[in-house]
Each structure stands twice: as C-alpha cells, then as structure tokens.
Amino acid sequence: MSMGHSACTAWTISDEDCAKVCKKAWKNMVLALGDKNMTLDEAAEQMDVDEPLPDYISSAIAGFMHEFSKKTGLSINLGWHNSAEDGDIYDDVRGHFWDLGGVTYMTAKAKKLGKKIKFSTWVSFG
C-alpha cells in the first residue's frame, strides 16, 4: 500500500469559546487536568493512541462534552492532529481540537454559535 497525504476536515470551535459556552464544566475539566499537570494536547494525544487516561480526567472531559451537547444540541469530540509529523504547515488544526457534529450545514442550533464555529482543514500522512 502506498503512502500519501489525505484531506481531513472538521467544524471546530476554540477552547476560549468552549469555555464561554460551558463555564462550570470547562473549569472542572481544566482543574482535573491540572491535578496531573496535564494539558489538553497531552490528553487528546493519549486518547488518539488509545492510552488510558486517569478515570477522573476521562470523566471530566466526558462531563464537559455532555454539558456542551446538552446546552447546544450539537455533539462535540476532542481530537488530536500532529501537524509536524503527519500534516503540513497549512493545516488549520495543530495539536488538540474540538470537533463539532451536526454542523454539516448551518442548522438553527449551529447558528446560535455563529462565528465561533470554524470549518477547519488539514492533511494527514499515512
């Protein structure tokens, strides 16, 4: 099988905007990560390669995603992209990113988030 770059896309939202949408759940997640001196990049990378996270960190991340979905009606997932090793300098995402589901077109629920939502592109080598 040959190797090459493939196109990847996602509707994304920034950490800052996530924090504004779900202040309490975001704060709980950040505090849980801080207990282990872990960043969101480190957590997302571990999840990407199926390395287990401490239960309370997994629960805090899941809690944030649940609250975000409950508040917005849109699903959200934590993703990871290593643009230095698997991507390109033109990638819109580097490290962790929040991938929104249910935003293929601007639904009424998605429109509530307005310009906070960004359609991001990157390439992945493999």
N, C-alpha and C. Protein backbone atom coordinates (compact mmCIF):
# COMPACT_ATOMS: atom_id res chain seq x y z
N MET A 1 0.84 -1.17 0.00
CA MET A 1 0.00 0.00 0.00
C MET A 1 0.89 1.24 0.00
N SER A 2 0.58 2.20 -0.84
CA SER A 2 1.39 3.41 -0.91
C SER A 2 1.00 4.39 0.19
N MET A 3 1.89 5.32 0.44
CA MET A 3 1.67 6.33 1.48
C MET A 3 1.46 7.68 0.80
N GLY A 4 0.68 8.53 1.43
CA GLY A 4 0.45 9.86 0.91
C GLY A 4 -0.41 10.67 1.84
N HIS A 5 -0.60 11.93 1.50
CA HIS A 5 -1.44 12.82 2.31
C HIS A 5 -2.91 12.65 1.93
N SER A 6 -3.77 12.71 2.91
CA SER A 6 -5.20 12.69 2.64
C SER A 6 -5.84 13.91 3.28
N ALA A 7 -6.90 14.40 2.67
CA ALA A 7 -7.58 15.59 3.17
C ALA A 7 -8.46 15.25 4.36
N CYS A 8 -8.46 16.11 5.37
CA CYS A 8 -9.30 15.95 6.55
C CYS A 8 -10.01 17.28 6.80
N THR A 9 -11.24 17.22 7.27
CA THR A 9 -11.99 18.44 7.57
C THR A 9 -12.81 18.24 8.84
N ALA A 10 -13.13 19.33 9.48
CA ALA A 10 -14.00 19.31 10.66
C ALA A 10 -14.55 20.70 10.89
N TRP A 11 -15.72 20.75 11.48
CA TRP A 11 -16.23 22.00 12.02
C TRP A 11 -15.67 22.08 13.43
N THR A 12 -14.91 23.13 13.73
CA THR A 12 -14.23 23.22 15.01
C THR A 12 -14.67 24.46 15.79
N ILE A 13 -14.38 24.43 17.08
CA ILE A 13 -14.65 25.56 17.96
C ILE A 13 -13.45 25.69 18.90
N SER A 14 -13.07 26.91 19.22
CA SER A 14 -11.87 27.16 20.02
C SER A 14 -12.10 26.82 21.50
N ASP A 15 -10.99 26.65 22.21
CA ASP A 15 -11.05 26.44 23.66
C ASP A 15 -11.76 27.61 24.33
N GLU A 16 -11.42 28.81 23.91
CA GLU A 16 -11.99 30.01 24.52
C GLU A 16 -13.51 30.02 24.40
N ASP A 17 -14.01 29.68 23.22
CA ASP A 17 -15.45 29.67 23.02
C ASP A 17 -16.11 28.49 23.75
N CYS A 18 -15.42 27.35 23.82
CA CYS A 18 -15.94 26.23 24.61
C CYS A 18 -16.11 26.64 26.07
N ALA A 19 -15.09 27.34 26.58
CA ALA A 19 -15.12 27.79 27.98
C ALA A 19 -16.28 28.74 28.23
N LYS A 20 -16.61 29.57 27.26
CA LYS A 20 -17.72 30.51 27.41
C LYS A 20 -19.07 29.80 27.38
N VAL A 21 -19.18 28.76 26.57
CA VAL A 21 -20.45 28.04 26.43
C VAL A 21 -20.79 27.25 27.70
N CYS A 22 -19.78 26.61 28.30
CA CYS A 22 -19.99 25.74 29.47
C CYS A 22 -18.94 26.06 30.54
N LYS A 23 -19.12 27.18 31.21
CA LYS A 23 -18.10 27.66 32.15
C LYS A 23 -17.77 26.66 33.25
N LYS A 24 -18.76 26.13 33.92
CA LYS A 24 -18.52 25.25 35.06
C LYS A 24 -17.87 23.93 34.62
N ALA A 25 -18.42 23.30 33.60
CA ALA A 25 -17.88 22.02 33.12
C ALA A 25 -16.46 22.21 32.57
N TRP A 26 -16.21 23.33 31.91
CA TRP A 26 -14.87 23.61 31.39
C TRP A 26 -13.88 23.75 32.56
N LYS A 27 -14.29 24.52 33.57
CA LYS A 27 -13.42 24.73 34.74
C LYS A 27 -13.12 23.40 35.43
N ASN A 28 -14.12 22.54 35.58
CA ASN A 28 -13.90 21.22 36.20
C ASN A 28 -12.90 20.40 35.40
N MET A 29 -13.00 20.46 34.08
CA MET A 29 -12.08 19.71 33.22
C MET A 29 -10.65 20.25 33.36
N VAL A 30 -10.51 21.55 33.33
CA VAL A 30 -9.18 22.17 33.45
C VAL A 30 -8.56 21.85 34.81
N LEU A 31 -9.36 21.87 35.87
CA LEU A 31 -8.84 21.54 37.20
C LEU A 31 -8.40 20.08 37.27
N ALA A 32 -9.16 19.18 36.67
CA ALA A 32 -8.80 17.76 36.66
C ALA A 32 -7.48 17.55 35.91
N LEU A 33 -7.33 18.21 34.77
CA LEU A 33 -6.07 18.12 34.02
C LEU A 33 -4.91 18.68 34.83
N GLY A 34 -5.16 19.80 35.50
CA GLY A 34 -4.13 20.44 36.31
C GLY A 34 -3.65 19.57 37.46
N ASP A 35 -4.53 18.73 38.00
CA ASP A 35 -4.14 17.82 39.09
C ASP A 35 -3.02 16.89 38.68
N LYS A 36 -2.94 16.56 37.39
CA LYS A 36 -1.89 15.68 36.87
C LYS A 36 -0.87 16.45 36.03
N ASN A 37 -0.91 17.79 36.12
CA ASN A 37 -0.04 18.63 35.30
C ASN A 37 -0.12 18.23 33.83
N MET A 38 -1.34 17.98 33.37
CA MET A 38 -1.57 17.53 32.00
C MET A 38 -2.27 18.64 31.22
N THR A 39 -1.89 18.78 29.95
CA THR A 39 -2.55 19.74 29.07
C THR A 39 -3.61 19.02 28.24
N LEU A 40 -4.46 19.80 27.61
CA LEU A 40 -5.44 19.22 26.69
C LEU A 40 -4.74 18.54 25.52
N ASP A 41 -3.63 19.10 25.06
CA ASP A 41 -2.86 18.46 23.99
C ASP A 41 -2.42 17.06 24.41
N GLU A 42 -1.89 16.94 25.62
CA GLU A 42 -1.42 15.64 26.10
C GLU A 42 -2.57 14.65 26.25
N ALA A 43 -3.69 15.11 26.78
CA ALA A 43 -4.85 14.23 26.94
C ALA A 43 -5.38 13.77 25.58
N ALA A 44 -5.50 14.70 24.64
CA ALA A 44 -6.01 14.36 23.31
C ALA A 44 -5.08 13.39 22.59
N GLU A 45 -3.78 13.60 22.73
CA GLU A 45 -2.81 12.71 22.09
C GLU A 45 -2.90 11.30 22.69
N GLN A 46 -3.02 11.22 24.01
CA GLN A 46 -3.16 9.91 24.65
C GLN A 46 -4.42 9.20 24.18
N MET A 47 -5.52 9.95 24.09
CA MET A 47 -6.77 9.37 23.62
C MET A 47 -6.64 8.89 22.18
N ASP A 48 -5.91 9.64 21.36
CA ASP A 48 -5.74 9.32 19.95
C ASP A 48 -5.01 7.99 19.75
N VAL A 49 -4.07 7.68 20.63
CA VAL A 49 -3.31 6.43 20.50
C VAL A 49 -3.82 5.36 21.48
N ASP A 50 -5.03 5.57 22.00
CA ASP A 50 -5.70 4.62 22.89
C ASP A 50 -4.94 4.33 24.18
N GLU A 51 -4.20 5.32 24.68
CA GLU A 51 -3.59 5.19 26.00
C GLU A 51 -4.61 5.65 27.02
N PRO A 52 -4.79 4.89 28.09
CA PRO A 52 -5.82 5.27 29.07
C PRO A 52 -5.44 6.53 29.85
N LEU A 53 -6.43 7.32 30.14
CA LEU A 53 -6.29 8.49 31.00
C LEU A 53 -6.78 8.12 32.38
N PRO A 54 -6.33 8.84 33.42
CA PRO A 54 -6.93 8.61 34.73
C PRO A 54 -8.45 8.78 34.66
N ASP A 55 -9.18 7.97 35.40
CA ASP A 55 -10.64 7.98 35.32
C ASP A 55 -11.25 9.37 35.54
N TYR A 56 -10.73 10.12 36.53
CA TYR A 56 -11.34 11.41 36.82
C TYR A 56 -11.09 12.42 35.70
N ILE A 57 -9.99 12.25 34.95
CA ILE A 57 -9.77 13.14 33.80
C ILE A 57 -10.71 12.75 32.66
N SER A 58 -10.83 11.46 32.40
CA SER A 58 -11.79 10.99 31.38
C SER A 58 -13.20 11.44 31.72
N SER A 59 -13.56 11.34 32.99
CA SER A 59 -14.90 11.75 33.44
C SER A 59 -15.10 13.25 33.27
N ALA A 60 -14.07 14.04 33.58
CA ALA A 60 -14.19 15.49 33.44
C ALA A 60 -14.33 15.90 31.97
N ILE A 61 -13.57 15.25 31.09
CA ILE A 61 -13.68 15.55 29.66
C ILE A 61 -15.06 15.14 29.15
N ALA A 62 -15.49 13.94 29.54
CA ALA A 62 -16.83 13.46 29.13
C ALA A 62 -17.92 14.38 29.69
N GLY A 63 -17.72 14.86 30.92
CA GLY A 63 -18.69 15.78 31.53
C GLY A 63 -18.80 17.07 30.76
N PHE A 64 -17.66 17.61 30.34
CA PHE A 64 -17.70 18.83 29.54
C PHE A 64 -18.43 18.57 28.22
N MET A 65 -18.08 17.48 27.54
CA MET A 65 -18.71 17.18 26.24
C MET A 65 -20.21 16.98 26.40
N HIS A 66 -20.62 16.33 27.49
CA HIS A 66 -22.05 16.11 27.74
C HIS A 66 -22.77 17.45 27.95
N GLU A 67 -22.18 18.31 28.79
CA GLU A 67 -22.80 19.61 29.06
C GLU A 67 -22.87 20.47 27.80
N PHE A 68 -21.82 20.44 26.99
CA PHE A 68 -21.80 21.20 25.75
C PHE A 68 -22.94 20.72 24.84
N SER A 69 -23.06 19.40 24.71
CA SER A 69 -24.12 18.84 23.85
C SER A 69 -25.50 19.19 24.38
N LYS A 70 -25.64 19.11 25.70
CA LYS A 70 -26.92 19.43 26.33
C LYS A 70 -27.30 20.89 26.09
N LYS A 71 -26.31 21.78 26.20
CA LYS A 71 -26.55 23.21 26.05
C LYS A 71 -26.77 23.63 24.60
N THR A 72 -26.04 23.02 23.67
CA THR A 72 -26.08 23.49 22.28
C THR A 72 -26.90 22.60 21.35
N GLY A 73 -27.11 21.34 21.74
CA GLY A 73 -27.77 20.39 20.86
C GLY A 73 -26.82 19.81 19.82
N LEU A 74 -25.53 20.11 19.92
CA LEU A 74 -24.52 19.62 18.98
C LEU A 74 -23.56 18.69 19.72
N SER A 75 -23.16 17.62 19.06
CA SER A 75 -22.16 16.75 19.68
C SER A 75 -20.78 17.40 19.53
N ILE A 76 -19.87 17.05 20.44
CA ILE A 76 -18.51 17.59 20.40
C ILE A 76 -17.55 16.49 20.81
N ASN A 77 -16.42 16.42 20.14
CA ASN A 77 -15.40 15.43 20.47
C ASN A 77 -14.03 16.09 20.49
N LEU A 78 -13.17 15.57 21.34
CA LEU A 78 -11.80 16.04 21.43
C LEU A 78 -10.96 15.26 20.43
N GLY A 79 -10.30 15.97 19.52
CA GLY A 79 -9.46 15.34 18.51
C GLY A 79 -8.02 15.75 18.68
N TRP A 80 -7.14 15.05 17.96
CA TRP A 80 -5.69 15.32 18.01
C TRP A 80 -5.11 15.23 16.61
N HIS A 81 -4.25 16.17 16.28
CA HIS A 81 -3.55 16.13 14.99
C HIS A 81 -2.12 16.63 15.20
N ASN A 82 -1.15 15.79 14.85
CA ASN A 82 0.26 16.16 14.92
C ASN A 82 0.67 16.69 13.55
N SER A 83 0.51 17.99 13.35
CA SER A 83 0.78 18.56 12.04
C SER A 83 2.27 18.51 11.70
N ALA A 84 3.14 18.51 12.70
CA ALA A 84 4.58 18.46 12.43
C ALA A 84 5.00 17.13 11.81
N GLU A 85 4.42 16.03 12.29
CA GLU A 85 4.80 14.71 11.79
C GLU A 85 3.86 14.16 10.72
N ASP A 86 2.58 14.49 10.82
CA ASP A 86 1.59 13.87 9.93
C ASP A 86 0.87 14.87 9.03
N GLY A 87 1.23 16.13 9.10
CA GLY A 87 0.46 17.13 8.37
C GLY A 87 1.30 18.06 7.53
N ASP A 88 0.92 19.33 7.55
CA ASP A 88 1.52 20.33 6.69
C ASP A 88 1.44 21.69 7.38
N ILE A 89 2.26 22.63 6.94
CA ILE A 89 2.27 23.95 7.56
C ILE A 89 0.97 24.73 7.33
N TYR A 90 0.17 24.30 6.37
CA TYR A 90 -1.07 25.00 6.06
C TYR A 90 -2.28 24.46 6.84
N ASP A 91 -2.07 23.49 7.71
CA ASP A 91 -3.17 22.90 8.47
C ASP A 91 -3.82 23.93 9.39
N ASP A 92 -5.14 23.90 9.47
CA ASP A 92 -5.88 24.78 10.38
C ASP A 92 -5.84 24.27 11.82
N VAL A 93 -5.58 23.00 12.01
CA VAL A 93 -5.51 22.45 13.36
C VAL A 93 -4.11 21.92 13.64
N ARG A 94 -3.66 22.17 14.85
CA ARG A 94 -2.36 21.68 15.34
C ARG A 94 -2.57 21.30 16.79
N GLY A 95 -2.27 20.07 17.10
CA GLY A 95 -2.49 19.61 18.47
C GLY A 95 -3.95 19.24 18.68
N HIS A 96 -4.49 19.58 19.86
CA HIS A 96 -5.88 19.20 20.13
C HIS A 96 -6.84 20.15 19.42
N PHE A 97 -8.03 19.64 19.15
CA PHE A 97 -9.08 20.46 18.57
C PHE A 97 -10.43 19.89 18.99
N TRP A 98 -11.43 20.74 19.01
CA TRP A 98 -12.81 20.33 19.34
C TRP A 98 -13.59 20.21 18.04
N ASP A 99 -14.03 19.01 17.74
CA ASP A 99 -14.74 18.66 16.51
C ASP A 99 -16.23 18.61 16.82
N LEU A 100 -16.99 19.44 16.11
CA LEU A 100 -18.44 19.50 16.32
C LEU A 100 -19.17 18.60 15.33
N GLY A 101 -20.14 17.87 15.83
CA GLY A 101 -21.02 17.06 14.99
C GLY A 101 -22.34 17.79 14.79
N GLY A 102 -23.00 17.49 13.70
CA GLY A 102 -24.31 18.10 13.46
C GLY A 102 -24.22 19.49 12.85
N VAL A 103 -23.10 19.81 12.19
CA VAL A 103 -22.92 21.13 11.62
C VAL A 103 -22.61 21.04 10.13
N THR A 104 -23.09 20.03 9.46
CA THR A 104 -22.83 19.89 8.04
C THR A 104 -23.36 21.11 7.29
N TYR A 105 -24.44 21.64 7.75
CA TYR A 105 -24.96 22.90 7.25
C TYR A 105 -25.36 23.70 8.49
N MET A 106 -25.54 24.98 8.34
CA MET A 106 -25.83 25.82 9.49
C MET A 106 -27.28 25.65 9.95
N THR A 107 -27.45 24.69 10.84
CA THR A 107 -28.76 24.47 11.43
C THR A 107 -29.08 25.62 12.37
N ALA A 108 -30.31 25.68 12.83
CA ALA A 108 -30.69 26.71 13.80
C ALA A 108 -29.84 26.59 15.06
N LYS A 109 -29.55 25.35 15.48
CA LYS A 109 -28.72 25.15 16.67
C LYS A 109 -27.30 25.64 16.43
N ALA A 110 -26.76 25.36 15.25
CA ALA A 110 -25.39 25.80 14.93
C ALA A 110 -25.32 27.32 14.79
N LYS A 111 -26.38 27.92 14.24
CA LYS A 111 -26.39 29.37 14.05
C LYS A 111 -26.30 30.11 15.37
N LYS A 112 -26.76 29.50 16.45
CA LYS A 112 -26.67 30.13 17.78
C LYS A 112 -25.22 30.37 18.17
N LEU A 113 -24.30 29.53 17.70
CA LEU A 113 -22.88 29.72 18.00
C LEU A 113 -22.21 30.68 17.01
N GLY A 114 -22.88 30.97 15.91
CA GLY A 114 -22.42 31.98 14.96
C GLY A 114 -20.99 31.83 14.49
N LYS A 115 -20.23 32.91 14.58
CA LYS A 115 -18.86 32.94 14.08
C LYS A 115 -17.88 32.21 14.98
N LYS A 116 -18.34 31.64 16.07
CA LYS A 116 -17.46 30.85 16.93
C LYS A 116 -17.07 29.54 16.25
N ILE A 117 -17.90 29.09 15.33
CA ILE A 117 -17.66 27.84 14.63
C ILE A 117 -16.80 28.11 13.40
N LYS A 118 -15.81 27.24 13.18
CA LYS A 118 -14.89 27.40 12.05
C LYS A 118 -14.80 26.08 11.30
N PHE A 119 -14.81 26.11 9.99
CA PHE A 119 -14.60 24.93 9.17
C PHE A 119 -13.11 24.80 8.96
N SER A 120 -12.49 23.78 9.55
CA SER A 120 -11.04 23.62 9.55
C SER A 120 -10.62 22.51 8.60
N THR A 121 -9.45 22.69 8.00
CA THR A 121 -8.91 21.68 7.09
C THR A 121 -7.47 21.36 7.48
N TRP A 122 -7.04 20.16 7.18
CA TRP A 122 -5.65 19.74 7.38
C TRP A 122 -5.40 18.50 6.55
N VAL A 123 -4.15 18.12 6.43
CA VAL A 123 -3.81 16.89 5.74
C VAL A 123 -3.18 15.92 6.75
N SER A 124 -3.30 14.67 6.46
CA SER A 124 -2.72 13.65 7.32
C SER A 124 -1.95 12.67 6.44
N PHE A 125 -0.74 12.35 6.83
CA PHE A 125 0.09 11.43 6.06
C PHE A 125 -0.06 10.02 6.60
N GLY A 126 -0.24 9.09 5.72
CA GLY A 126 -0.34 7.70 6.19
C GLY A 126 -0.70 6.77 5.09
